[in-house]
Amino acid sequence: RDDGNVVGLVLTGSRGNRFCVTDASDWDIRLVVRDGARDDYRARLGTPHGSALEVVVLTLDALAAVGELGSPSARDRPSYVHAQVVVDTDGRVGAVVDSLRALTPEPAHALAAETLDDYVNSYHRSAKSHRLGHGIEAHLDAAESIPRLLDTLFALNGRVRPFNKLLRFELEQRPLDGDVWATGSLLQRLEKIVATGDLAEQQRLFRDVEGLARAHGLGDVIDGWEPDVPRLRGES
């Protein structure tokens, strides 16, 4: 707190989320320092992954870059949804972390469009492999479709998809909008698809996803898969 080069300190991970904390849980620290101090503080205070006290040293600009779609660091954004800002010398770290907790409408819509198309792509491959009698191929594509679907569902709710470890916790705390996406039934459906690649369940899920997509102005993404959309619905 007294170091003039330190801009802030953020606690992430299990302790930051206050979830699944045990005596063996490590401490995941993001130490935010001034631009010119990064290399020195990284050499002196940074620790390797797996350390009991895991310290990542970064600048405020690097922290903000976590919120940029497509940036290499964007994959770490879920770390900040429930993170605790422990030190914030001038309010800037808290403001950035707050901006990482949710998606604003325009980026959310763009992300949902991209990940929806990826979901349909994987599901389409799974359905095609089912028709050809390629069991393991169909199953793998079915499983790969689920992360992209979750990205879409959370984006359409203006939220950041959590890490898988926190999925149930996040959905139980804040369910997705709409009865069809009720937490218990949704997780059961996803588990069935991941575990078995069941085509009928994928078809039912696609029909619900299509309705959601069209309600959010993403019908063009679905229509881009014509003339196969009826088949994806299970109509032929």
C-alpha atoms as a PDB file:
ATOM      1  CA  ARG A   1       0.000   0.000   0.000  1.00  0.00           C
ATOM      2  CA  ASP A   2       2.929   2.315   0.625  1.00  0.00           C
ATOM      3  CA  ASP A   3       4.843   1.420  -2.535  1.00  0.00           C
ATOM      4  CA  GLY A   4       4.606   4.257  -5.038  1.00  0.00           C
ATOM      5  CA  ASN A   5       5.053   1.880  -7.982  1.00  0.00           C
ATOM      6  CA  VAL A   6       2.058  -0.269  -7.010  1.00  0.00           C
ATOM      7  CA  VAL A   7      -1.237   0.785  -8.575  1.00  0.00           C
ATOM      8  CA  GLY A   8      -3.318  -2.023  -7.144  1.00  0.00           C
ATOM      9  CA  LEU A   9      -3.646  -5.654  -6.076  1.00  0.00           C
ATOM     10  CA  VAL A  10      -6.439  -8.016  -7.105  1.00  0.00           C
ATOM     11  CA  LEU A  11      -7.199 -11.384  -5.501  1.00  0.00           C
ATOM     12  CA  THR A  12      -8.574 -13.914  -8.011  1.00  0.00           C
ATOM     13  CA  GLY A  13      -8.939 -17.709  -8.005  1.00  0.00           C
ATOM     14  CA  SER A  14     -10.842 -19.694  -5.414  1.00  0.00           C
ATOM     15  CA  ARG A  15     -10.023 -17.286  -2.605  1.00  0.00           C
ATOM     16  CA  GLY A  16     -11.082 -14.304  -4.672  1.00  0.00           C
ATOM     17  CA  ASN A  17     -14.314 -16.051  -5.651  1.00  0.00           C
ATOM     18  CA  ARG A  18     -14.856 -17.354  -2.097  1.00  0.00           C
ATOM     19  CA  PHE A  19     -15.716 -20.732  -3.622  1.00  0.00           C
ATOM     20  CA  CYS A  20     -14.167 -24.183  -3.119  1.00  0.00           C
ATOM     21  CA  VAL A  21     -11.591 -22.730  -0.741  1.00  0.00           C
ATOM     22  CA  THR A  22      -9.576 -25.279   1.247  1.00  0.00           C
ATOM     23  CA  ASP A  23      -6.494 -25.053   3.429  1.00  0.00           C
ATOM     24  CA  ALA A  24      -4.501 -26.136   0.377  1.00  0.00           C
ATOM     25  CA  SER A  25      -5.906 -23.408  -1.893  1.00  0.00           C
ATOM     26  CA  ASP A  26      -3.249 -21.108  -3.278  1.00  0.00           C
ATOM     27  CA  TRP A  27      -3.450 -17.316  -3.374  1.00  0.00           C
ATOM     28  CA  ASP A  28      -3.850 -15.968  -6.918  1.00  0.00           C
ATOM     29  CA  ILE A  29      -2.592 -12.391  -7.012  1.00  0.00           C
ATOM     30  CA  ARG A  30      -2.622  -9.842  -9.831  1.00  0.00           C
ATOM     31  CA  LEU A  31      -0.167  -7.120  -8.835  1.00  0.00           C
ATOM     32  CA  VAL A  32      -0.714  -3.997 -10.962  1.00  0.00           C
ATOM     33  CA  VAL A  33       2.306  -1.689 -11.184  1.00  0.00           C
ATOM     34  CA  ARG A  34       3.298   1.423 -13.080  1.00  0.00           C
ATOM     35  CA  ASP A  35       4.530   0.935 -16.644  1.00  0.00           C
ATOM     36  CA  GLY A  36       8.210   1.477 -16.006  1.00  0.00           C
ATOM     37  CA  ALA A  37       8.265  -0.834 -12.987  1.00  0.00           C
ATOM     38  CA  ARG A  38       6.815  -3.974 -14.558  1.00  0.00           C
ATOM     39  CA  ASP A  39      10.011  -5.787 -15.505  1.00  0.00           C
ATOM     40  CA  ASP A  40      11.712  -5.148 -12.174  1.00  0.00           C
ATOM     41  CA  TYR A  41       8.689  -6.188 -10.107  1.00  0.00           C
ATOM     42  CA  ARG A  42       8.062  -9.215 -12.306  1.00  0.00           C
ATOM     43  CA  ALA A  43      11.651 -10.365 -11.729  1.00  0.00           C
ATOM     44  CA  ARG A  44      11.526  -9.739  -7.975  1.00  0.00           C
ATOM     45  CA  LEU A  45       7.959 -10.665  -7.056  1.00  0.00           C
ATOM     46  CA  GLY A  46       6.514 -12.774  -9.858  1.00  0.00           C
ATOM     47  CA  THR A  47       6.114 -16.474  -9.023  1.00  0.00           C
ATOM     48  CA  PRO A  48       5.573 -19.520 -11.246  1.00  0.00           C
ATOM     49  CA  HIS A  49       2.247 -21.219 -11.784  1.00  0.00           C
ATOM     50  CA  GLY A  50       1.521 -23.653  -8.979  1.00  0.00           C
ATOM     51  CA  SER A  51       3.180 -21.603  -6.247  1.00  0.00           C
ATOM     52  CA  ALA A  52       1.361 -21.313  -2.931  1.00  0.00           C
ATOM     53  CA  LEU A  53       1.431 -17.551  -3.514  1.00  0.00           C
ATOM     54  CA  GLU A  54       1.015 -17.154  -7.265  1.00  0.00           C
ATOM     55  CA  VAL A  55       1.841 -13.573  -8.259  1.00  0.00           C
ATOM     56  CA  VAL A  56       1.290 -12.217 -11.760  1.00  0.00           C
ATOM     57  CA  VAL A  57       2.720  -8.734 -12.295  1.00  0.00           C
ATOM     58  CA  LEU A  58       1.073  -6.566 -14.947  1.00  0.00           C
ATOM     59  CA  THR A  59       0.401  -2.967 -15.870  1.00  0.00           C
ATOM     60  CA  LEU A  60      -2.954  -1.220 -15.863  1.00  0.00           C
ATOM     61  CA  ASP A  61      -3.023  -1.316 -19.688  1.00  0.00           C
ATOM     62  CA  ALA A  62      -2.392  -5.059 -19.621  1.00  0.00           C
ATOM     63  CA  LEU A  63      -5.226  -5.484 -17.142  1.00  0.00           C
ATOM     64  CA  ALA A  64      -7.571  -3.491 -19.375  1.00  0.00           C
ATOM     65  CA  ALA A  65      -6.552  -5.619 -22.380  1.00  0.00           C
ATOM     66  CA  VAL A  66      -8.221  -8.610 -20.708  1.00  0.00           C
ATOM     67  CA  GLY A  67     -11.520  -7.020 -21.740  1.00  0.00           C
ATOM     68  CA  GLU A  68     -10.628  -6.761 -25.432  1.00  0.00           C
ATOM     69  CA  LEU A  69     -12.333  -9.440 -27.510  1.00  0.00           C
ATOM     70  CA  GLY A  70      -9.789 -11.507 -29.350  1.00  0.00           C
ATOM     71  CA  SER A  71      -6.817 -10.438 -27.236  1.00  0.00           C
ATOM     72  CA  PRO A  72      -4.544 -13.235 -25.973  1.00  0.00           C
ATOM     73  CA  SER A  73      -5.340 -12.289 -22.377  1.00  0.00           C
ATOM     74  CA  ALA A  74      -9.141 -12.338 -22.884  1.00  0.00           C
ATOM     75  CA  ARG A  75      -9.223 -15.988 -21.803  1.00  0.00           C
ATOM     76  CA  ASP A  76      -8.422 -14.773 -18.275  1.00  0.00           C
ATOM     77  CA  ARG A  77     -11.483 -12.533 -18.066  1.00  0.00           C
ATOM     78  CA  PRO A  78     -13.544 -14.992 -15.970  1.00  0.00           C
ATOM     79  CA  SER A  79     -10.915 -14.622 -13.250  1.00  0.00           C
ATOM     80  CA  TYR A  80     -12.173 -11.105 -12.549  1.00  0.00           C
ATOM     81  CA  VAL A  81     -15.947 -11.622 -12.389  1.00  0.00           C
ATOM     82  CA  HIS A  82     -15.902 -12.268  -8.640  1.00  0.00           C
ATOM     83  CA  ALA A  83     -12.365 -11.070  -7.885  1.00  0.00           C
ATOM     84  CA  GLN A  84     -11.610  -8.894  -4.873  1.00  0.00           C
ATOM     85  CA  VAL A  85      -9.824  -5.601  -5.381  1.00  0.00           C
ATOM     86  CA  VAL A  86      -7.650  -5.496  -2.266  1.00  0.00           C
ATOM     87  CA  VAL A  87      -5.502  -2.447  -3.072  1.00  0.00           C
ATOM     88  CA  ASP A  88      -6.497   0.394  -5.394  1.00  0.00           C
ATOM     89  CA  THR A  89      -4.394   3.506  -4.971  1.00  0.00           C
ATOM     90  CA  ASP A  90      -6.394   5.866  -7.189  1.00  0.00           C
ATOM     91  CA  GLY A  91      -9.588   4.050  -8.206  1.00  0.00           C
ATOM     92  CA  ARG A  92      -8.380   2.983 -11.649  1.00  0.00           C
ATOM     93  CA  VAL A  93      -7.895  -0.708 -10.873  1.00  0.00           C
ATOM     94  CA  GLY A  94     -11.388  -1.010  -9.416  1.00  0.00           C
ATOM     95  CA  ALA A  95     -12.862   0.715 -12.467  1.00  0.00           C
ATOM     96  CA  VAL A  96     -11.091  -1.669 -14.850  1.00  0.00           C
ATOM     97  CA  VAL A  97     -12.061  -4.750 -12.858  1.00  0.00           C
ATOM     98  CA  ASP A  98     -15.685  -3.572 -12.790  1.00  0.00           C
ATOM     99  CA  SER A  99     -15.569  -3.275 -16.581  1.00  0.00           C
ATOM    100  CA  LEU A 100     -14.384  -6.881 -16.799  1.00  0.00           C
ATOM    101  CA  ARG A 101     -17.262  -8.273 -14.753  1.00  0.00           C
ATOM    102  CA  ALA A 102     -19.900  -7.928 -17.491  1.00  0.00           C
ATOM    103  CA  LEU A 103     -20.214  -7.443 -21.253  1.00  0.00           C
ATOM    104  CA  THR A 104     -21.579  -4.223 -22.714  1.00  0.00           C
ATOM    105  CA  PRO A 105     -24.308  -4.644 -25.382  1.00  0.00           C
ATOM    106  CA  GLU A 106     -22.330  -4.169 -28.592  1.00  0.00           C
ATOM    107  CA  PRO A 107     -19.391  -6.462 -27.758  1.00  0.00           C
ATOM    108  CA  ALA A 108     -21.821  -8.972 -26.249  1.00  0.00           C
ATOM    109  CA  HIS A 109     -23.844  -9.103 -29.468  1.00  0.00           C
ATOM    110  CA  ALA A 110     -20.706  -9.481 -31.593  1.00  0.00           C
ATOM    111  CA  LEU A 111     -19.365 -12.240 -29.363  1.00  0.00           C
ATOM    112  CA  ALA A 112     -22.717 -14.031 -29.343  1.00  0.00           C
ATOM    113  CA  ALA A 113     -22.879 -13.954 -33.148  1.00  0.00           C
ATOM    114  CA  GLU A 114     -19.377 -15.396 -33.480  1.00  0.00           C
ATOM    115  CA  THR A 115     -19.777 -18.126 -30.881  1.00  0.00           C
ATOM    116  CA  LEU A 116     -23.284 -19.025 -32.059  1.00  0.00           C
ATOM    117  CA  ASP A 117     -21.888 -19.710 -35.525  1.00  0.00           C
ATOM    118  CA  ASP A 118     -19.128 -21.820 -33.976  1.00  0.00           C
ATOM    119  CA  TYR A 119     -21.695 -23.778 -31.959  1.00  0.00           C
ATOM    120  CA  VAL A 120     -23.823 -24.507 -35.023  1.00  0.00           C
ATOM    121  CA  ASN A 121     -20.708 -25.497 -36.955  1.00  0.00           C
ATOM    122  CA  SER A 122     -19.733 -28.134 -34.382  1.00  0.00           C
ATOM    123  CA  TYR A 123     -23.300 -29.372 -34.037  1.00  0.00           C
ATOM    124  CA  HIS A 124     -23.651 -29.565 -37.841  1.00  0.00           C
ATOM    125  CA  ARG A 125     -20.495 -31.701 -38.003  1.00  0.00           C
ATOM    126  CA  SER A 126     -21.813 -33.934 -35.234  1.00  0.00           C
ATOM    127  CA  ALA A 127     -25.163 -34.398 -36.985  1.00  0.00           C
ATOM    128  CA  LYS A 128     -23.443 -35.215 -40.277  1.00  0.00           C
ATOM    129  CA  SER A 129     -21.200 -37.793 -38.614  1.00  0.00           C
ATOM    130  CA  HIS A 130     -24.268 -39.353 -37.002  1.00  0.00           C
ATOM    131  CA  ARG A 131     -25.826 -39.780 -40.454  1.00  0.00           C
ATOM    132  CA  LEU A 132     -22.637 -41.409 -41.716  1.00  0.00           C
ATOM    133  CA  GLY A 133     -22.473 -43.741 -38.740  1.00  0.00           C
ATOM    134  CA  HIS A 134     -19.252 -42.238 -37.408  1.00  0.00           C
ATOM    135  CA  GLY A 135     -19.811 -42.609 -33.678  1.00  0.00           C
ATOM    136  CA  ILE A 136     -16.718 -41.205 -31.988  1.00  0.00           C
ATOM    137  CA  GLU A 137     -16.456 -38.379 -34.519  1.00  0.00           C
ATOM    138  CA  ALA A 138     -20.060 -37.373 -33.879  1.00  0.00           C
ATOM    139  CA  HIS A 139     -19.523 -37.559 -30.134  1.00  0.00           C
ATOM    140  CA  LEU A 140     -16.397 -35.389 -30.207  1.00  0.00           C
ATOM    141  CA  ASP A 141     -18.063 -32.673 -32.276  1.00  0.00           C
ATOM    142  CA  ALA A 142     -21.078 -32.738 -29.959  1.00  0.00           C
ATOM    143  CA  ALA A 143     -18.814 -32.203 -26.958  1.00  0.00           C
ATOM    144  CA  GLU A 144     -16.914 -29.403 -28.715  1.00  0.00           C
ATOM    145  CA  SER A 145     -20.160 -27.553 -29.439  1.00  0.00           C
ATOM    146  CA  ILE A 146     -20.995 -27.058 -25.763  1.00  0.00           C
ATOM    147  CA  PRO A 147     -18.304 -24.525 -24.749  1.00  0.00           C
ATOM    148  CA  ARG A 148     -19.238 -22.313 -27.699  1.00  0.00           C
ATOM    149  CA  LEU A 149     -22.902 -22.605 -26.806  1.00  0.00           C
ATOM    150  CA  LEU A 150     -22.145 -21.529 -23.243  1.00  0.00           C
ATOM    151  CA  ASP A 151     -20.199 -18.554 -24.576  1.00  0.00           C
ATOM    152  CA  THR A 152     -23.293 -17.622 -26.584  1.00  0.00           C
ATOM    153  CA  LEU A 153     -25.770 -18.043 -23.746  1.00  0.00           C
ATOM    154  CA  PHE A 154     -23.742 -15.949 -21.334  1.00  0.00           C
ATOM    155  CA  ALA A 155     -23.033 -13.269 -23.952  1.00  0.00           C
ATOM    156  CA  LEU A 156     -26.743 -12.939 -24.713  1.00  0.00           C
ATOM    157  CA  ASN A 157     -27.234 -12.332 -20.998  1.00  0.00           C
ATOM    158  CA  GLY A 158     -24.479  -9.684 -21.029  1.00  0.00           C
ATOM    159  CA  ARG A 159     -22.262 -11.878 -18.899  1.00  0.00           C
ATOM    160  CA  VAL A 160     -18.823 -13.440 -19.030  1.00  0.00           C
ATOM    161  CA  ARG A 161     -18.842 -17.215 -19.254  1.00  0.00           C
ATOM    162  CA  PRO A 162     -17.210 -18.617 -16.087  1.00  0.00           C
ATOM    163  CA  PHE A 163     -14.536 -21.256 -15.977  1.00  0.00           C
ATOM    164  CA  ASN A 164     -16.065 -24.749 -16.005  1.00  0.00           C
ATOM    165  CA  LYS A 165     -15.210 -25.223 -12.339  1.00  0.00           C
ATOM    166  CA  LEU A 166     -17.525 -22.324 -11.493  1.00  0.00           C
ATOM    167  CA  LEU A 167     -20.314 -23.015 -13.998  1.00  0.00           C
ATOM    168  CA  ARG A 168     -22.804 -24.580 -11.594  1.00  0.00           C
ATOM    169  CA  PHE A 169     -21.949 -22.070  -8.873  1.00  0.00           C
ATOM    170  CA  GLU A 170     -22.453 -19.141 -11.257  1.00  0.00           C
ATOM    171  CA  LEU A 171     -25.730 -20.467 -12.657  1.00  0.00           C
ATOM    172  CA  GLU A 172     -27.123 -21.224  -9.230  1.00  0.00           C
ATOM    173  CA  GLN A 173     -26.253 -17.714  -8.055  1.00  0.00           C
ATOM    174  CA  ARG A 174     -27.591 -16.044 -11.206  1.00  0.00           C
ATOM    175  CA  PRO A 175     -29.630 -18.270 -13.550  1.00  0.00           C
ATOM    176  CA  LEU A 176     -29.819 -17.423 -17.233  1.00  0.00           C
ATOM    177  CA  ASP A 177     -32.931 -15.626 -18.451  1.00  0.00           C
ATOM    178  CA  GLY A 178     -35.825 -17.827 -19.599  1.00  0.00           C
ATOM    179  CA  ASP A 179     -37.471 -20.942 -18.172  1.00  0.00           C
ATOM    180  CA  VAL A 180     -35.974 -23.150 -20.886  1.00  0.00           C
ATOM    181  CA  TRP A 181     -32.509 -22.305 -19.527  1.00  0.00           C
ATOM    182  CA  ALA A 182     -33.293 -23.199 -15.912  1.00  0.00           C
ATOM    183  CA  THR A 183     -30.046 -24.247 -14.266  1.00  0.00           C
ATOM    184  CA  GLY A 184     -30.854 -27.824 -13.290  1.00  0.00           C
ATOM    185  CA  SER A 185     -32.376 -28.900 -16.580  1.00  0.00           C
ATOM    186  CA  LEU A 186     -29.778 -27.044 -18.651  1.00  0.00           C
ATOM    187  CA  LEU A 187     -26.871 -28.762 -16.906  1.00  0.00           C
ATOM    188  CA  GLN A 188     -28.547 -32.134 -17.326  1.00  0.00           C
ATOM    189  CA  ARG A 189     -28.992 -31.527 -21.049  1.00  0.00           C
ATOM    190  CA  LEU A 190     -25.408 -30.430 -21.503  1.00  0.00           C
ATOM    191  CA  GLU A 191     -24.087 -33.350 -19.494  1.00  0.00           C
ATOM    192  CA  LYS A 192     -26.075 -35.808 -21.610  1.00  0.00           C
ATOM    193  CA  ILE A 193     -24.679 -34.359 -24.836  1.00  0.00           C
ATOM    194  CA  VAL A 194     -21.104 -34.297 -23.554  1.00  0.00           C
ATOM    195  CA  ALA A 195     -21.400 -37.821 -22.152  1.00  0.00           C
ATOM    196  CA  THR A 196     -23.211 -39.495 -25.043  1.00  0.00           C
ATOM    197  CA  GLY A 197     -23.378 -37.171 -28.067  1.00  0.00           C
ATOM    198  CA  ASP A 198     -27.097 -37.986 -28.259  1.00  0.00           C
ATOM    199  CA  LEU A 199     -28.449 -36.603 -31.541  1.00  0.00           C
ATOM    200  CA  ALA A 200     -32.063 -36.200 -30.431  1.00  0.00           C
ATOM    201  CA  GLU A 201     -30.958 -34.117 -27.443  1.00  0.00           C
ATOM    202  CA  GLN A 202     -28.791 -31.985 -29.715  1.00  0.00           C
ATOM    203  CA  GLN A 203     -31.760 -31.407 -32.003  1.00  0.00           C
ATOM    204  CA  ARG A 204     -33.964 -30.324 -29.102  1.00  0.00           C
ATOM    205  CA  LEU A 205     -31.246 -28.026 -27.844  1.00  0.00           C
ATOM    206  CA  PHE A 206     -30.751 -26.485 -31.280  1.00  0.00           C
ATOM    207  CA  ARG A 207     -34.454 -25.679 -31.550  1.00  0.00           C
ATOM    208  CA  ASP A 208     -34.285 -23.799 -28.252  1.00  0.00           C
ATOM    209  CA  VAL A 209     -31.080 -22.044 -29.278  1.00  0.00           C
ATOM    210  CA  GLU A 210     -32.627 -21.005 -32.597  1.00  0.00           C
ATOM    211  CA  GLY A 211     -35.582 -19.423 -30.827  1.00  0.00           C
ATOM    212  CA  LEU A 212     -33.261 -17.540 -28.491  1.00  0.00           C
ATOM    213  CA  ALA A 213     -31.025 -16.407 -31.356  1.00  0.00           C
ATOM    214  CA  ARG A 214     -33.907 -15.054 -33.403  1.00  0.00           C
ATOM    215  CA  ALA A 215     -35.313 -13.240 -30.360  1.00  0.00           C
ATOM    216  CA  HIS A 216     -31.948 -11.466 -30.015  1.00  0.00           C
ATOM    217  CA  GLY A 217     -31.642 -10.477 -33.649  1.00  0.00           C
ATOM    218  CA  LEU A 218     -29.254 -13.261 -34.618  1.00  0.00           C
ATOM    219  CA  GLY A 219     -31.543 -15.045 -37.062  1.00  0.00           C
ATOM    220  CA  ASP A 220     -29.099 -14.304 -39.871  1.00  0.00           C
ATOM    221  CA  VAL A 221     -26.520 -16.547 -38.204  1.00  0.00           C
ATOM    222  CA  ILE A 222     -28.988 -19.422 -38.170  1.00  0.00           C
ATOM    223  CA  ASP A 223     -30.139 -18.706 -41.724  1.00  0.00           C
ATOM    224  CA  GLY A 224     -26.527 -18.850 -42.850  1.00  0.00           C
ATOM    225  CA  TRP A 225     -26.744 -22.610 -42.345  1.00  0.00           C
ATOM    226  CA  GLU A 226     -29.529 -23.117 -44.883  1.00  0.00           C
ATOM    227  CA  PRO A 227     -30.526 -25.449 -46.463  1.00  0.00           C
ATOM    228  CA  ASP A 228     -29.528 -27.604 -43.487  1.00  0.00           C
ATOM    229  CA  VAL A 229     -31.531 -25.795 -40.799  1.00  0.00           C
ATOM    230  CA  PRO A 230     -34.586 -28.098 -41.001  1.00  0.00           C
ATOM    231  CA  ARG A 231     -32.294 -31.093 -40.638  1.00  0.00           C
ATOM    232  CA  LEU A 232     -30.584 -29.473 -37.650  1.00  0.00           C
ATOM    233  CA  ARG A 233     -34.010 -29.020 -36.067  1.00  0.00           C
ATOM    234  CA  GLY A 234     -34.658 -32.714 -36.572  1.00  0.00           C
ATOM    235  CA  GLU A 235     -37.405 -32.141 -39.107  1.00  0.00           C
ATOM    236  CA  SER A 236     -35.832 -34.268 -41.838  1.00  0.00           C
END
